[in-house]
Amino acid sequence: MRTRLRGQIDHPSVEEIDLLDVLHALSDPTRMEIVLTLLEDVERPCGTFDVDVAPSTLTHHFRVLRESGVIRQREEGRRKWTTLRLDDLESRFPGVIPAITRAYHADIEKS
């Protein structure tokens, strides 16, 4: 069984980030709201995102985003901080995040 020290969270390397995993992660409206929040605010503690889901569900969304390489999380004391891996995503898939956020906003405007 693999153990990890508190404060140590696994993230895929830039080379391991897969476009289909990123697209899957961003296909959920709650996860998109997390990403849009991080585009506005570089780093946030996990409990400060304005999404209407249970804490356990939010944990699941963070895990999907983290494992796909979209976000990076770090533990500091009793808080977990979240950042968008925009530079990593841009180097791996140039323009993908701006394109997805534009499409997301266009869909919201149609609704």
PDB file of N, CA and C in Angstrom:
ATOM      1  N   MET A   1       0.836  -1.177   0.000  1.00  0.00           N
ATOM      2  CA  MET A   1       0.000   0.000   0.000  1.00  0.00           C
ATOM      3  C   MET A   1       0.882   1.242   0.000  1.00  0.00           C
ATOM      4  N   ARG A   2       0.544   2.191  -0.841  1.00  0.00           N
ATOM      5  CA  ARG A   2       1.321   3.410  -0.971  1.00  0.00           C
ATOM      6  C   ARG A   2       0.852   4.426   0.059  1.00  0.00           C
ATOM      7  N   THR A   3       1.789   5.007   0.759  1.00  0.00           N
ATOM      8  CA  THR A   3       1.442   6.037   1.734  1.00  0.00           C
ATOM      9  C   THR A   3       2.040   7.356   1.287  1.00  0.00           C
ATOM     10  N   ARG A   4       1.433   8.433   1.728  1.00  0.00           N
ATOM     11  CA  ARG A   4       1.977   9.742   1.406  1.00  0.00           C
ATOM     12  C   ARG A   4       2.028  10.571   2.668  1.00  0.00           C
ATOM     13  N   LEU A   5       2.973  11.450   2.704  1.00  0.00           N
ATOM     14  CA  LEU A   5       3.104  12.353   3.833  1.00  0.00           C
ATOM     15  C   LEU A   5       2.087  13.474   3.700  1.00  0.00           C
ATOM     16  N   ARG A   6       1.602  13.978   4.805  1.00  0.00           N
ATOM     17  CA  ARG A   6       0.691  15.117   4.771  1.00  0.00           C
ATOM     18  C   ARG A   6       1.380  16.262   4.045  1.00  0.00           C
ATOM     19  N   GLY A   7       0.668  16.909   3.163  1.00  0.00           N
ATOM     20  CA  GLY A   7       1.232  18.007   2.395  1.00  0.00           C
ATOM     21  C   GLY A   7       1.749  17.580   1.034  1.00  0.00           C
ATOM     22  N   GLN A   8       1.842  16.290   0.813  1.00  0.00           N
ATOM     23  CA  GLN A   8       2.340  15.771  -0.455  1.00  0.00           C
ATOM     24  C   GLN A   8       1.158  15.209  -1.249  1.00  0.00           C
ATOM     25  N   ILE A   9       0.864  15.823  -2.389  1.00  0.00           N
ATOM     26  CA  ILE A   9      -0.270  15.413  -3.217  1.00  0.00           C
ATOM     27  C   ILE A   9       0.268  15.056  -4.594  1.00  0.00           C
ATOM     28  N   ASP A  10      -0.176  13.940  -5.146  1.00  0.00           N
ATOM     29  CA  ASP A  10       0.282  13.509  -6.467  1.00  0.00           C
ATOM     30  C   ASP A  10      -0.401  14.310  -7.573  1.00  0.00           C
ATOM     31  N   HIS A  11       0.397  14.710  -8.551  1.00  0.00           N
ATOM     32  CA  HIS A  11      -0.085  15.417  -9.739  1.00  0.00           C
ATOM     33  C   HIS A  11       0.619  14.820 -10.952  1.00  0.00           C
ATOM     34  N   PRO A  12      -0.072  14.751 -12.093  1.00  0.00           N
ATOM     35  CA  PRO A  12       0.630  14.278 -13.286  1.00  0.00           C
ATOM     36  C   PRO A  12       1.667  15.311 -13.739  1.00  0.00           C
ATOM     37  N   SER A  13       2.750  14.819 -14.307  1.00  0.00           N
ATOM     38  CA  SER A  13       3.734  15.733 -14.892  1.00  0.00           C
ATOM     39  C   SER A  13       3.117  16.356 -16.147  1.00  0.00           C
ATOM     40  N   VAL A  14       3.714  17.409 -16.642  1.00  0.00           N
ATOM     41  CA  VAL A  14       3.197  18.072 -17.849  1.00  0.00           C
ATOM     42  C   VAL A  14       3.091  17.076 -18.995  1.00  0.00           C
ATOM     43  N   GLU A  15       4.100  16.219 -19.143  1.00  0.00           N
ATOM     44  CA  GLU A  15       4.113  15.248 -20.241  1.00  0.00           C
ATOM     45  C   GLU A  15       3.004  14.204 -20.105  1.00  0.00           C
ATOM     46  N   GLU A  16       2.533  13.977 -18.896  1.00  0.00           N
ATOM     47  CA  GLU A  16       1.488  12.978 -18.659  1.00  0.00           C
ATOM     48  C   GLU A  16       0.073  13.518 -18.846  1.00  0.00           C
ATOM     49  N   ILE A  17      -0.075  14.834 -18.980  1.00  0.00           N
ATOM     50  CA  ILE A  17      -1.409  15.411 -19.137  1.00  0.00           C
ATOM     51  C   ILE A  17      -1.960  15.008 -20.495  1.00  0.00           C
ATOM     52  N   ASP A  18      -3.151  14.410 -20.474  1.00  0.00           N
ATOM     53  CA  ASP A  18      -3.796  13.894 -21.680  1.00  0.00           C
ATOM     54  C   ASP A  18      -4.975  14.803 -22.044  1.00  0.00           C
ATOM     55  N   LEU A  19      -5.072  15.174 -23.305  1.00  0.00           N
ATOM     56  CA  LEU A  19      -6.125  16.079 -23.746  1.00  0.00           C
ATOM     57  C   LEU A  19      -7.528  15.534 -23.461  1.00  0.00           C
ATOM     58  N   LEU A  20      -7.741  14.249 -23.685  1.00  0.00           N
ATOM     59  CA  LEU A  20      -9.065  13.683 -23.421  1.00  0.00           C
ATOM     60  C   LEU A  20      -9.415  13.734 -21.941  1.00  0.00           C
ATOM     61  N   ASP A  21      -8.434  13.558 -21.072  1.00  0.00           N
ATOM     62  CA  ASP A  21      -8.675  13.689 -19.627  1.00  0.00           C
ATOM     63  C   ASP A  21      -9.038  15.126 -19.269  1.00  0.00           C
ATOM     64  N   VAL A  22      -8.355  16.080 -19.880  1.00  0.00           N
ATOM     65  CA  VAL A  22      -8.655  17.486 -19.631  1.00  0.00           C
ATOM     66  C   VAL A  22     -10.064  17.812 -20.105  1.00  0.00           C
ATOM     67  N   LEU A  23     -10.406  17.367 -21.308  1.00  0.00           N
ATOM     68  CA  LEU A  23     -11.751  17.633 -21.841  1.00  0.00           C
ATOM     69  C   LEU A  23     -12.826  16.993 -20.973  1.00  0.00           C
ATOM     70  N   HIS A  24     -12.578  15.779 -20.512  1.00  0.00           N
ATOM     71  CA  HIS A  24     -13.531  15.126 -19.611  1.00  0.00           C
ATOM     72  C   HIS A  24     -13.684  15.935 -18.325  1.00  0.00           C
ATOM     73  N   ALA A  25     -12.569  16.353 -17.749  1.00  0.00           N
ATOM     74  CA  ALA A  25     -12.615  17.104 -16.497  1.00  0.00           C
ATOM     75  C   ALA A  25     -13.410  18.396 -16.662  1.00  0.00           C
ATOM     76  N   LEU A  26     -13.290  19.035 -17.812  1.00  0.00           N
ATOM     77  CA  LEU A  26     -13.955  20.315 -18.033  1.00  0.00           C
ATOM     78  C   LEU A  26     -15.361  20.167 -18.595  1.00  0.00           C
ATOM     79  N   SER A  27     -15.838  18.953 -18.715  1.00  0.00           N
ATOM     80  CA  SER A  27     -17.190  18.732 -19.248  1.00  0.00           C
ATOM     81  C   SER A  27     -18.279  18.919 -18.200  1.00  0.00           C
ATOM     82  N   ASP A  28     -17.889  19.098 -16.949  1.00  0.00           N
ATOM     83  CA  ASP A  28     -18.854  19.247 -15.864  1.00  0.00           C
ATOM     84  C   ASP A  28     -18.984  20.726 -15.490  1.00  0.00           C
ATOM     85  N   PRO A  29     -20.214  21.239 -15.359  1.00  0.00           N
ATOM     86  CA  PRO A  29     -20.391  22.662 -15.033  1.00  0.00           C
ATOM     87  C   PRO A  29     -19.759  23.082 -13.704  1.00  0.00           C
ATOM     88  N   THR A  30     -19.804  22.243 -12.697  1.00  0.00           N
ATOM     89  CA  THR A  30     -19.178  22.597 -11.411  1.00  0.00           C
ATOM     90  C   THR A  30     -17.672  22.718 -11.570  1.00  0.00           C
ATOM     91  N   ARG A  31     -17.071  21.795 -12.303  1.00  0.00           N
ATOM     92  CA  ARG A  31     -15.625  21.862 -12.514  1.00  0.00           C
ATOM     93  C   ARG A  31     -15.249  23.081 -13.367  1.00  0.00           C
ATOM     94  N   MET A  32     -16.103  23.428 -14.327  1.00  0.00           N
ATOM     95  CA  MET A  32     -15.842  24.638 -15.114  1.00  0.00           C
ATOM     96  C   MET A  32     -15.913  25.873 -14.230  1.00  0.00           C
ATOM     97  N   GLU A  33     -16.847  25.913 -13.301  1.00  0.00           N
ATOM     98  CA  GLU A  33     -16.941  27.054 -12.390  1.00  0.00           C
ATOM     99  C   GLU A  33     -15.676  27.163 -11.527  1.00  0.00           C
ATOM    100  N   ILE A  34     -15.134  26.036 -11.115  1.00  0.00           N
ATOM    101  CA  ILE A  34     -13.881  26.040 -10.358  1.00  0.00           C
ATOM    102  C   ILE A  34     -12.769  26.643 -11.216  1.00  0.00           C
ATOM    103  N   VAL A  35     -12.672  26.213 -12.458  1.00  0.00           N
ATOM    104  CA  VAL A  35     -11.637  26.717 -13.367  1.00  0.00           C
ATOM    105  C   VAL A  35     -11.823  28.205 -13.626  1.00  0.00           C
ATOM    106  N   LEU A  36     -13.050  28.635 -13.877  1.00  0.00           N
ATOM    107  CA  LEU A  36     -13.308  30.056 -14.120  1.00  0.00           C
ATOM    108  C   LEU A  36     -12.941  30.900 -12.896  1.00  0.00           C
ATOM    109  N   THR A  37     -13.220  30.381 -11.718  1.00  0.00           N
ATOM    110  CA  THR A  37     -12.840  31.068 -10.483  1.00  0.00           C
ATOM    111  C   THR A  37     -11.327  31.210 -10.402  1.00  0.00           C
ATOM    112  N   LEU A  38     -10.610  30.135 -10.758  1.00  0.00           N
ATOM    113  CA  LEU A  38      -9.145  30.164 -10.686  1.00  0.00           C
ATOM    114  C   LEU A  38      -8.525  31.042 -11.767  1.00  0.00           C
ATOM    115  N   LEU A  39      -9.231  31.254 -12.855  1.00  0.00           N
ATOM    116  CA  LEU A  39      -8.745  32.195 -13.859  1.00  0.00           C
ATOM    117  C   LEU A  39      -8.795  33.626 -13.330  1.00  0.00           C
ATOM    118  N   GLU A  40      -9.730  33.896 -12.434  1.00  0.00           N
ATOM    119  CA  GLU A  40      -9.874  35.223 -11.834  1.00  0.00           C
ATOM    120  C   GLU A  40      -9.011  35.403 -10.596  1.00  0.00           C
ATOM    121  N   ASP A  41      -8.844  34.327  -9.842  1.00  0.00           N
ATOM    122  CA  ASP A  41      -8.153  34.373  -8.558  1.00  0.00           C
ATOM    123  C   ASP A  41      -7.107  33.265  -8.566  1.00  0.00           C
ATOM    124  N   VAL A  42      -5.845  33.615  -8.636  1.00  0.00           N
ATOM    125  CA  VAL A  42      -4.755  32.671  -8.898  1.00  0.00           C
ATOM    126  C   VAL A  42      -4.750  31.448  -7.981  1.00  0.00           C
ATOM    127  N   GLU A  43      -4.937  31.660  -6.697  1.00  0.00           N
ATOM    128  CA  GLU A  43      -4.899  30.541  -5.751  1.00  0.00           C
ATOM    129  C   GLU A  43      -5.979  30.762  -4.705  1.00  0.00           C
ATOM    130  N   ARG A  44      -6.674  29.680  -4.376  1.00  0.00           N
ATOM    131  CA  ARG A  44      -7.748  29.777  -3.391  1.00  0.00           C
ATOM    132  C   ARG A  44      -7.738  28.570  -2.476  1.00  0.00           C
ATOM    133  N   PRO A  45      -8.153  28.773  -1.223  1.00  0.00           N
ATOM    134  CA  PRO A  45      -8.356  27.621  -0.350  1.00  0.00           C
ATOM    135  C   PRO A  45      -9.613  26.871  -0.795  1.00  0.00           C
ATOM    136  N   CYS A  46      -9.614  25.574  -0.613  1.00  0.00           N
ATOM    137  CA  CYS A  46     -10.694  24.736  -1.138  1.00  0.00           C
ATOM    138  C   CYS A  46     -12.088  25.114  -0.646  1.00  0.00           C
ATOM    139  N   GLY A  47     -12.231  25.568   0.566  1.00  0.00           N
ATOM    140  CA  GLY A  47     -13.557  25.863   1.093  1.00  0.00           C
ATOM    141  C   GLY A  47     -14.147  27.180   0.635  1.00  0.00           C
ATOM    142  N   THR A  48     -13.483  27.895  -0.281  1.00  0.00           N
ATOM    143  CA  THR A  48     -13.936  29.233  -0.658  1.00  0.00           C
ATOM    144  C   THR A  48     -14.528  29.315  -2.058  1.00  0.00           C
ATOM    145  N   PHE A  49     -14.738  28.203  -2.703  1.00  0.00           N
ATOM    146  CA  PHE A  49     -15.315  28.212  -4.047  1.00  0.00           C
ATOM    147  C   PHE A  49     -16.833  28.315  -3.936  1.00  0.00           C
ATOM    148  N   ASP A  50     -17.424  29.193  -4.749  1.00  0.00           N
ATOM    149  CA  ASP A  50     -18.856  29.432  -4.713  1.00  0.00           C
ATOM    150  C   ASP A  50     -19.579  28.441  -5.633  1.00  0.00           C
ATOM    151  N   VAL A  51     -19.668  27.201  -5.171  1.00  0.00           N
ATOM    152  CA  VAL A  51     -20.377  26.155  -5.905  1.00  0.00           C
ATOM    153  C   VAL A  51     -21.372  25.504  -4.949  1.00  0.00           C
ATOM    154  N   ASP A  52     -22.486  25.084  -5.509  1.00  0.00           N
ATOM    155  CA  ASP A  52     -23.568  24.556  -4.686  1.00  0.00           C
ATOM    156  C   ASP A  52     -23.566  23.027  -4.707  1.00  0.00           C
ATOM    157  N   VAL A  53     -22.537  22.449  -4.080  1.00  0.00           N
ATOM    158  CA  VAL A  53     -22.447  20.992  -3.964  1.00  0.00           C
ATOM    159  C   VAL A  53     -21.976  20.638  -2.556  1.00  0.00           C
ATOM    160  N   ALA A  54     -22.239  19.423  -2.165  1.00  0.00           N
ATOM    161  CA  ALA A  54     -21.795  18.937  -0.853  1.00  0.00           C
ATOM    162  C   ALA A  54     -20.270  18.882  -0.815  1.00  0.00           C
ATOM    163  N   PRO A  55     -19.682  19.020   0.369  1.00  0.00           N
ATOM    164  CA  PRO A  55     -18.217  18.954   0.473  1.00  0.00           C
ATOM    165  C   PRO A  55     -17.617  17.681  -0.134  1.00  0.00           C
ATOM    166  N   SER A  56     -18.281  16.544   0.045  1.00  0.00           N
ATOM    167  CA  SER A  56     -17.738  15.303  -0.526  1.00  0.00           C
ATOM    168  C   SER A  56     -17.779  15.339  -2.054  1.00  0.00           C
ATOM    169  N   THR A  57     -18.798  15.954  -2.607  1.00  0.00           N
ATOM    170  CA  THR A  57     -18.893  16.084  -4.064  1.00  0.00           C
ATOM    171  C   THR A  57     -17.827  17.045  -4.578  1.00  0.00           C
ATOM    172  N   LEU A  58     -17.604  18.118  -3.847  1.00  0.00           N
ATOM    173  CA  LEU A  58     -16.567  19.070  -4.233  1.00  0.00           C
ATOM    174  C   LEU A  58     -15.192  18.402  -4.205  1.00  0.00           C
ATOM    175  N   THR A  59     -14.952  17.569  -3.211  1.00  0.00           N
ATOM    176  CA  THR A  59     -13.703  16.814  -3.140  1.00  0.00           C
ATOM    177  C   THR A  59     -13.529  15.953  -4.386  1.00  0.00           C
ATOM    178  N   HIS A  60     -14.606  15.318  -4.830  1.00  0.00           N
ATOM    179  CA  HIS A  60     -14.559  14.501  -6.050  1.00  0.00           C
ATOM    180  C   HIS A  60     -14.185  15.365  -7.256  1.00  0.00           C
ATOM    181  N   HIS A  61     -14.810  16.531  -7.377  1.00  0.00           N
ATOM    182  CA  HIS A  61     -14.517  17.419  -8.510  1.00  0.00           C
ATOM    183  C   HIS A  61     -13.059  17.870  -8.496  1.00  0.00           C
ATOM    184  N   PHE A  62     -12.550  18.207  -7.314  1.00  0.00           N
ATOM    185  CA  PHE A  62     -11.138  18.580  -7.218  1.00  0.00           C
ATOM    186  C   PHE A  62     -10.242  17.418  -7.635  1.00  0.00           C
ATOM    187  N   ARG A  63     -10.597  16.198  -7.231  1.00  0.00           N
ATOM    188  CA  ARG A  63      -9.780  15.031  -7.588  1.00  0.00           C
ATOM    189  C   ARG A  63      -9.746  14.837  -9.097  1.00  0.00           C
ATOM    190  N   VAL A  64     -10.898  14.958  -9.760  1.00  0.00           N
ATOM    191  CA  VAL A  64     -10.949  14.803 -11.221  1.00  0.00           C
ATOM    192  C   VAL A  64     -10.083  15.870 -11.887  1.00  0.00           C
ATOM    193  N   LEU A  65     -10.206  17.103 -11.442  1.00  0.00           N
ATOM    194  CA  LEU A  65      -9.404  18.188 -12.022  1.00  0.00           C
ATOM    195  C   LEU A  65      -7.914  17.981 -11.761  1.00  0.00           C
ATOM    196  N   ARG A  66      -7.568  17.554 -10.555  1.00  0.00           N
ATOM    197  CA  ARG A  66      -6.161  17.339 -10.199  1.00  0.00           C
ATOM    198  C   ARG A  66      -5.563  16.182 -10.992  1.00  0.00           C
ATOM    199  N   GLU A  67      -6.264  15.051 -11.033  1.00  0.00           N
ATOM    200  CA  GLU A  67      -5.736  13.871 -11.722  1.00  0.00           C
ATOM    201  C   GLU A  67      -5.639  14.069 -13.226  1.00  0.00           C
ATOM    202  N   SER A  68      -6.442  14.968 -13.782  1.00  0.00           N
ATOM    203  CA  SER A  68      -6.359  15.253 -15.213  1.00  0.00           C
ATOM    204  C   SER A  68      -5.254  16.256 -15.531  1.00  0.00           C
ATOM    205  N   GLY A  69      -4.717  16.906 -14.500  1.00  0.00           N
ATOM    206  CA  GLY A  69      -3.654  17.883 -14.701  1.00  0.00           C
ATOM    207  C   GLY A  69      -4.143  19.311 -14.843  1.00  0.00           C
ATOM    208  N   VAL A  70      -5.425  19.562 -14.603  1.00  0.00           N
ATOM    209  CA  VAL A  70      -5.980  20.905 -14.762  1.00  0.00           C
ATOM    210  C   VAL A  70      -5.627  21.802 -13.577  1.00  0.00           C
ATOM    211  N   ILE A  71      -5.606  21.231 -12.376  1.00  0.00           N
ATOM    212  CA  ILE A  71      -5.274  22.021 -11.196  1.00  0.00           C
ATOM    213  C   ILE A  71      -4.113  21.397 -10.439  1.00  0.00           C
ATOM    214  N   ARG A  72      -3.529  22.207  -9.578  1.00  0.00           N
ATOM    215  CA  ARG A  72      -2.515  21.734  -8.641  1.00  0.00           C
ATOM    216  C   ARG A  72      -3.011  22.098  -7.253  1.00  0.00           C
ATOM    217  N   GLN A  73      -2.856  21.176  -6.314  1.00  0.00           N
ATOM    218  CA  GLN A  73      -3.250  21.446  -4.937  1.00  0.00           C
ATOM    219  C   GLN A  73      -2.064  21.231  -4.020  1.00  0.00           C
ATOM    220  N   ARG A  74      -2.038  22.027  -2.966  1.00  0.00           N
ATOM    221  CA  ARG A  74      -0.994  21.883  -1.956  1.00  0.00           C
ATOM    222  C   ARG A  74      -1.645  22.067  -0.591  1.00  0.00           C
ATOM    223  N   GLU A  75      -1.131  21.343   0.360  1.00  0.00           N
ATOM    224  CA  GLU A  75      -1.622  21.458   1.726  1.00  0.00           C
ATOM    225  C   GLU A  75      -0.682  22.357   2.505  1.00  0.00           C
ATOM    226  N   GLU A  76      -1.270  23.255   3.258  1.00  0.00           N
ATOM    227  CA  GLU A  76      -0.511  24.143   4.124  1.00  0.00           C
ATOM    228  C   GLU A  76      -1.264  24.213   5.442  1.00  0.00           C
ATOM    229  N   GLY A  77      -0.690  23.608   6.442  1.00  0.00           N
ATOM    230  CA  GLY A  77      -1.406  23.520   7.717  1.00  0.00           C
ATOM    231  C   GLY A  77      -2.659  22.678   7.533  1.00  0.00           C
ATOM    232  N   ARG A  78      -3.774  23.226   7.923  1.00  0.00           N
ATOM    233  CA  ARG A  78      -5.046  22.508   7.805  1.00  0.00           C
ATOM    234  C   ARG A  78      -5.812  22.862   6.535  1.00  0.00           C
ATOM    235  N   ARG A  79      -5.224  23.678   5.680  1.00  0.00           N
ATOM    236  CA  ARG A  79      -5.899  24.115   4.463  1.00  0.00           C
ATOM    237  C   ARG A  79      -5.273  23.481   3.237  1.00  0.00           C
ATOM    238  N   LYS A  80      -6.122  23.272   2.247  1.00  0.00           N
ATOM    239  CA  LYS A  80      -5.654  22.809   0.947  1.00  0.00           C
ATOM    240  C   LYS A  80      -5.875  23.951  -0.040  1.00  0.00           C
ATOM    241  N   TRP A  81      -4.817  24.351  -0.717  1.00  0.00           N
ATOM    242  CA  TRP A  81      -4.855  25.455  -1.663  1.00  0.00           C
ATOM    243  C   TRP A  81      -4.872  24.916  -3.087  1.00  0.00           C
ATOM    244  N   THR A  82      -5.610  25.579  -3.954  1.00  0.00           N
ATOM    245  CA  THR A  82      -5.794  25.120  -5.324  1.00  0.00           C
ATOM    246  C   THR A  82      -5.389  26.207  -6.307  1.00  0.00           C
ATOM    247  N   THR A  83      -4.638  25.806  -7.341  1.00  0.00           N
ATOM    248  CA  THR A  83      -4.264  26.709  -8.432  1.00  0.00           C
ATOM    249  C   THR A  83      -4.539  26.024  -9.759  1.00  0.00           C
ATOM    250  N   LEU A  84      -4.783  26.824 -10.772  1.00  0.00           N
ATOM    251  CA  LEU A  84      -4.960  26.330 -12.132  1.00  0.00           C
ATOM    252  C   LEU A  84      -3.582  26.149 -12.757  1.00  0.00           C
ATOM    253  N   ARG A  85      -3.376  25.032 -13.424  1.00  0.00           N
ATOM    254  CA  ARG A  85      -2.087  24.766 -14.079  1.00  0.00           C
ATOM    255  C   ARG A  85      -2.096  25.347 -15.495  1.00  0.00           C
ATOM    256  N   LEU A  86      -2.417  26.621 -15.597  1.00  0.00           N
ATOM    257  CA  LEU A  86      -2.593  27.263 -16.890  1.00  0.00           C
ATOM    258  C   LEU A  86      -1.323  27.218 -17.737  1.00  0.00           C
ATOM    259  N   ASP A  87      -0.175  27.518 -17.141  1.00  0.00           N
ATOM    260  CA  ASP A  87       1.079  27.492 -17.913  1.00  0.00           C
ATOM    261  C   ASP A  87       1.381  26.088 -18.425  1.00  0.00           C
ATOM    262  N   ASP A  88       1.164  25.074 -17.582  1.00  0.00           N
ATOM    263  CA  ASP A  88       1.397  23.690 -18.001  1.00  0.00           C
ATOM    264  C   ASP A  88       0.445  23.293 -19.128  1.00  0.00           C
ATOM    265  N   LEU A  89      -0.821  23.657 -18.979  1.00  0.00           N
ATOM    266  CA  LEU A  89      -1.806  23.311 -20.006  1.00  0.00           C
ATOM    267  C   LEU A  89      -1.520  24.053 -21.305  1.00  0.00           C
ATOM    268  N   GLU A  90      -1.124  25.305 -21.185  1.00  0.00           N
ATOM    269  CA  GLU A  90      -0.818  26.097 -22.377  1.00  0.00           C
ATOM    270  C   GLU A  90       0.416  25.542 -23.104  1.00  0.00           C
ATOM    271  N   SER A  91       1.403  25.089 -22.363  1.00  0.00           N
ATOM    272  CA  SER A  91       2.586  24.534 -23.021  1.00  0.00           C
ATOM    273  C   SER A  91       2.279  23.188 -23.677  1.00  0.00           C
ATOM    274  N   ARG A  92       1.383  22.435 -23.089  1.00  0.00           N
ATOM    275  CA  ARG A  92       1.036  21.114 -23.625  1.00  0.00           C
ATOM    276  C   ARG A  92       0.010  21.208 -24.755  1.00  0.00           C
ATOM    277  N   PHE A  93      -1.001  22.062 -24.572  1.00  0.00           N
ATOM    278  CA  PHE A  93      -2.101  22.209 -25.548  1.00  0.00           C
ATOM    279  C   PHE A  93      -2.394  23.696 -25.739  1.00  0.00           C
ATOM    280  N   PRO A  94      -1.592  24.371 -26.553  1.00  0.00           N
ATOM    281  CA  PRO A  94      -1.746  25.823 -26.708  1.00  0.00           C
ATOM    282  C   PRO A  94      -3.173  26.238 -27.090  1.00  0.00           C
ATOM    283  N   GLY A  95      -3.712  27.184 -26.303  1.00  0.00           N
ATOM    284  CA  GLY A  95      -5.023  27.749 -26.601  1.00  0.00           C
ATOM    285  C   GLY A  95      -6.222  26.957 -26.136  1.00  0.00           C
ATOM    286  N   VAL A  96      -6.013  25.782 -25.541  1.00  0.00           N
ATOM    287  CA  VAL A  96      -7.162  24.932 -25.213  1.00  0.00           C
ATOM    288  C   VAL A  96      -8.040  25.541 -24.114  1.00  0.00           C
ATOM    289  N   ILE A  97      -7.461  26.086 -23.066  1.00  0.00           N
ATOM    290  CA  ILE A  97      -8.274  26.640 -21.980  1.00  0.00           C
ATOM    291  C   ILE A  97      -9.043  27.879 -22.443  1.00  0.00           C
ATOM    292  N   PRO A  98      -8.415  28.832 -23.136  1.00  0.00           N
ATOM    293  CA  PRO A  98      -9.213  29.957 -23.647  1.00  0.00           C
ATOM    294  C   PRO A  98     -10.336  29.510 -24.589  1.00  0.00           C
ATOM    295  N   ALA A  99     -10.064  28.532 -25.435  1.00  0.00           N
ATOM    296  CA  ALA A  99     -11.100  28.053 -26.362  1.00  0.00           C
ATOM    297  C   ALA A  99     -12.264  27.417 -25.609  1.00  0.00           C
ATOM    298  N   ILE A 100     -11.957  26.622 -24.604  1.00  0.00           N
ATOM    299  CA  ILE A 100     -13.019  25.962 -23.843  1.00  0.00           C
ATOM    300  C   ILE A 100     -13.815  26.979 -23.035  1.00  0.00           C
ATOM    301  N   THR A 101     -13.142  27.948 -22.433  1.00  0.00           N
ATOM    302  CA  THR A 101     -13.872  28.940 -21.643  1.00  0.00           C
ATOM    303  C   THR A 101     -14.743  29.825 -22.536  1.00  0.00           C
ATOM    304  N   ARG A 102     -14.269  30.175 -23.731  1.00  0.00           N
ATOM    305  CA  ARG A 102     -15.105  30.936 -24.680  1.00  0.00           C
ATOM    306  C   ARG A 102     -16.347  30.147 -25.057  1.00  0.00           C
ATOM    307  N   ALA A 103     -16.163  28.859 -25.363  1.00  0.00           N
ATOM    308  CA  ALA A 103     -17.303  28.015 -25.733  1.00  0.00           C
ATOM    309  C   ALA A 103     -18.283  27.879 -24.570  1.00  0.00           C
ATOM    310  N   TYR A 104     -17.765  27.747 -23.362  1.00  0.00           N
ATOM    311  CA  TYR A 104     -18.612  27.628 -22.177  1.00  0.00           C
ATOM    312  C   TYR A 104     -19.439  28.895 -21.981  1.00  0.00           C
ATOM    313  N   HIS A 105     -18.792  30.055 -22.094  1.00  0.00           N
ATOM    314  CA  HIS A 105     -19.507  31.334 -21.947  1.00  0.00           C
ATOM    315  C   HIS A 105     -20.552  31.501 -23.049  1.00  0.00           C
ATOM    316  N   ALA A 106     -20.229  31.091 -24.277  1.00  0.00           N
ATOM    317  CA  ALA A 106     -21.185  31.191 -25.392  1.00  0.00           C
ATOM    318  C   ALA A 106     -22.409  30.319 -25.127  1.00  0.00           C
ATOM    319  N   ASP A 107     -22.203  29.119 -24.586  1.00  0.00           N
ATOM    320  CA  ASP A 107     -23.315  28.240 -24.263  1.00  0.00           C
ATOM    321  C   ASP A 107     -24.200  28.832 -23.165  1.00  0.00           C
ATOM    322  N   ILE A 108     -23.570  29.447 -22.168  1.00  0.00           N
ATOM    323  CA  ILE A 108     -24.338  30.075 -21.085  1.00  0.00           C
ATOM    324  C   ILE A 108     -25.177  31.225 -21.625  1.00  0.00           C
ATOM    325  N   GLU A 109     -24.618  32.012 -22.526  1.00  0.00           N
ATOM    326  CA  GLU A 109     -25.348  33.143 -23.103  1.00  0.00           C
ATOM    327  C   GLU A 109     -26.549  32.691 -23.921  1.00  0.00           C
ATOM    328  N   LYS A 110     -26.454  31.526 -24.546  1.00  0.00           N
ATOM    329  CA  LYS A 110     -27.583  30.982 -25.329  1.00  0.00           C
ATOM    330  C   LYS A 110     -28.728  30.549 -24.434  1.00  0.00           C
ATOM    331  N   SER A 111     -28.391  30.103 -23.229  1.00  0.00           N
ATOM    332  CA  SER A 111     -29.397  29.551 -22.312  1.00  0.00           C
ATOM    333  C   SER A 111     -30.321  30.597 -21.762  1.00  0.00           C
TER     334      SER A 111
END
